[in-house]
Protein backbone atom coordinates (compact mmCIF):
# COMPACT_ATOMS: atom_id res chain seq x y z
CA MET A 1 31.76 -14.22 110.91
CA ASP A 2 33.51 -15.89 113.81
CA LYS A 3 36.23 -18.15 112.39
CA ARG A 4 35.16 -20.98 114.70
CA PHE A 5 32.07 -21.45 112.55
CA LYS A 6 31.60 -22.51 108.96
CA PRO A 7 30.39 -19.59 106.79
CA LEU A 8 26.63 -19.52 106.31
CA THR A 9 24.88 -19.48 102.96
CA ARG A 10 22.56 -16.56 102.18
CA GLU A 11 19.59 -18.81 102.89
CA GLN A 12 21.01 -19.84 106.26
CA GLN A 13 21.72 -16.21 107.13
CA PHE A 14 18.15 -15.26 106.25
CA GLU A 15 16.74 -18.13 108.30
CA LYS A 16 18.91 -17.19 111.29
CA ARG A 17 17.66 -13.59 111.13
CA ILE A 18 14.05 -14.75 111.09
CA ASN A 19 14.67 -17.09 114.03
CA LEU A 20 16.52 -14.29 115.81
CA THR A 21 13.61 -11.88 115.63
CA GLU A 22 11.10 -14.56 116.61
CA THR A 23 13.18 -15.55 119.63
CA ILE A 24 13.54 -11.95 120.77
CA LYS A 25 9.79 -11.35 120.31
CA ALA A 26 9.11 -14.44 122.43
CA HIS A 27 11.22 -13.03 125.29
CA PRO A 28 9.97 -9.49 126.04
CA ASP A 29 11.42 -9.87 129.55
CA TRP A 30 15.02 -10.01 128.25
CA THR A 31 17.31 -7.17 129.20
CA ILE A 32 19.07 -5.21 126.50
CA ALA A 33 22.25 -7.05 127.52
CA GLN A 34 20.58 -10.38 126.78
CA VAL A 35 19.20 -9.14 123.47
CA VAL A 36 22.55 -7.80 122.24
CA ALA A 37 24.41 -10.93 123.35
CA HIS A 38 21.79 -13.13 121.68
CA ILE A 39 22.04 -11.22 118.40
CA ARG A 40 25.80 -11.60 118.33
CA ALA A 41 25.80 -15.27 119.36
CA GLU A 42 22.98 -16.29 117.01
CA LEU A 43 24.57 -14.59 114.01
CA GLN A 44 27.99 -15.97 115.01
CA LEU A 45 29.67 -12.57 115.05
CA THR A 46 32.80 -11.63 116.94
CA LEU A 47 32.81 -8.42 118.97
CA ASN A 48 34.99 -6.80 116.30
CA GLU A 49 32.60 -7.79 113.52
CA MET A 50 29.56 -6.56 115.41
CA SER A 51 31.42 -3.35 116.21
CA ARG A 52 32.24 -2.70 112.56
CA PHE A 53 28.74 -3.63 111.46
CA SER A 54 26.92 -1.48 114.03
CA LYS A 55 29.47 1.38 114.24
CA VAL A 56 29.61 0.95 118.04
CA SER A 57 32.94 0.37 119.80
CA THR A 58 33.86 -3.12 120.96
CA LYS A 59 34.27 -1.82 124.54
CA THR A 60 30.72 -0.41 124.50
CA LEU A 61 29.32 -3.65 123.09
CA GLN A 62 31.19 -5.70 125.68
CA ASN A 63 29.95 -3.47 128.50
CA ILE A 64 26.37 -3.76 127.24
CA GLU A 65 26.61 -7.56 127.03
CA ASP A 66 28.17 -7.71 130.51
CA GLY A 67 25.30 -5.66 131.89
CA ILE A 68 27.59 -2.89 133.10
CA GLY A 69 27.08 -0.51 130.22
CA ASN A 70 24.66 2.38 130.28
CA PRO A 71 24.10 2.90 126.56
CA THR A 72 22.25 5.87 125.15
CA LEU A 73 19.15 5.36 123.04
CA GLU A 74 21.22 6.48 120.07
CA THR A 75 23.73 3.67 120.69
CA LEU A 76 20.98 1.09 121.05
CA ASP A 77 19.37 2.35 117.84
CA LYS A 78 22.71 1.96 116.02
CA ILE A 79 22.95 -1.64 117.14
CA LEU A 80 19.35 -2.69 116.66
CA ASN A 81 18.68 -0.85 113.39
CA ARG A 82 21.48 -2.76 111.69
CA PHE A 83 19.56 -5.94 112.40
CA GLY A 84 16.15 -4.63 111.36
CA MET A 85 14.97 -3.91 114.90
CA LYS A 86 14.07 -0.86 116.94
CA MET A 87 13.44 0.03 120.55
CA ALA A 88 9.87 -0.10 121.78
CA VAL A 89 7.94 0.38 124.98
CA THR A 90 6.04 -2.66 126.18
CA LEU A 91 3.58 -2.84 129.04
CA ILE A 92 4.68 -5.35 131.63
CA ASN A 93 1.57 -5.08 133.78
CA THR A 94 -1.86 -5.47 132.25
CA LYS A 95 -3.59 -3.94 135.26
CA PRO A 96 -3.82 -0.16 135.09
CA SER A 97 -1.96 1.70 137.80
CA PRO A 98 -4.02 3.68 140.29
CA PRO A 99 -4.18 7.37 139.45
CA MET A 100 -1.41 9.44 140.92
CA ASN A 101 -2.03 12.68 142.73
CA LEU A 102 0.22 15.13 141.00
CA ARG A 103 0.55 18.76 141.88
CA ILE A 104 1.69 21.11 139.24
CA HIS A 105 3.34 24.25 140.46
CA THR A 106 3.35 27.33 138.32
CA GLU A 107 4.87 30.65 139.09
């Protein structure tokens, strides 16, 4: 845990994790950069701690948080799975899209 903060009790850690997931659920519009930064800030982790915990390099984590990274799904799974989360697809538009005219070419 970041040395700037007082260590949390197990109960406080559990409560923070619950609040963390609820906050992320309430913000489906957040980018992955915002989600990763929020996880780290809320749990009061340094980049090095999050790196060790998730098995993702500090440079990759920093790039993701800065919005300049282009992480693979495997990398995102490594990060999110450690915090009891996983990637999901969410519809952002409730209106169905008009059908597309696709042509399939076979030889």
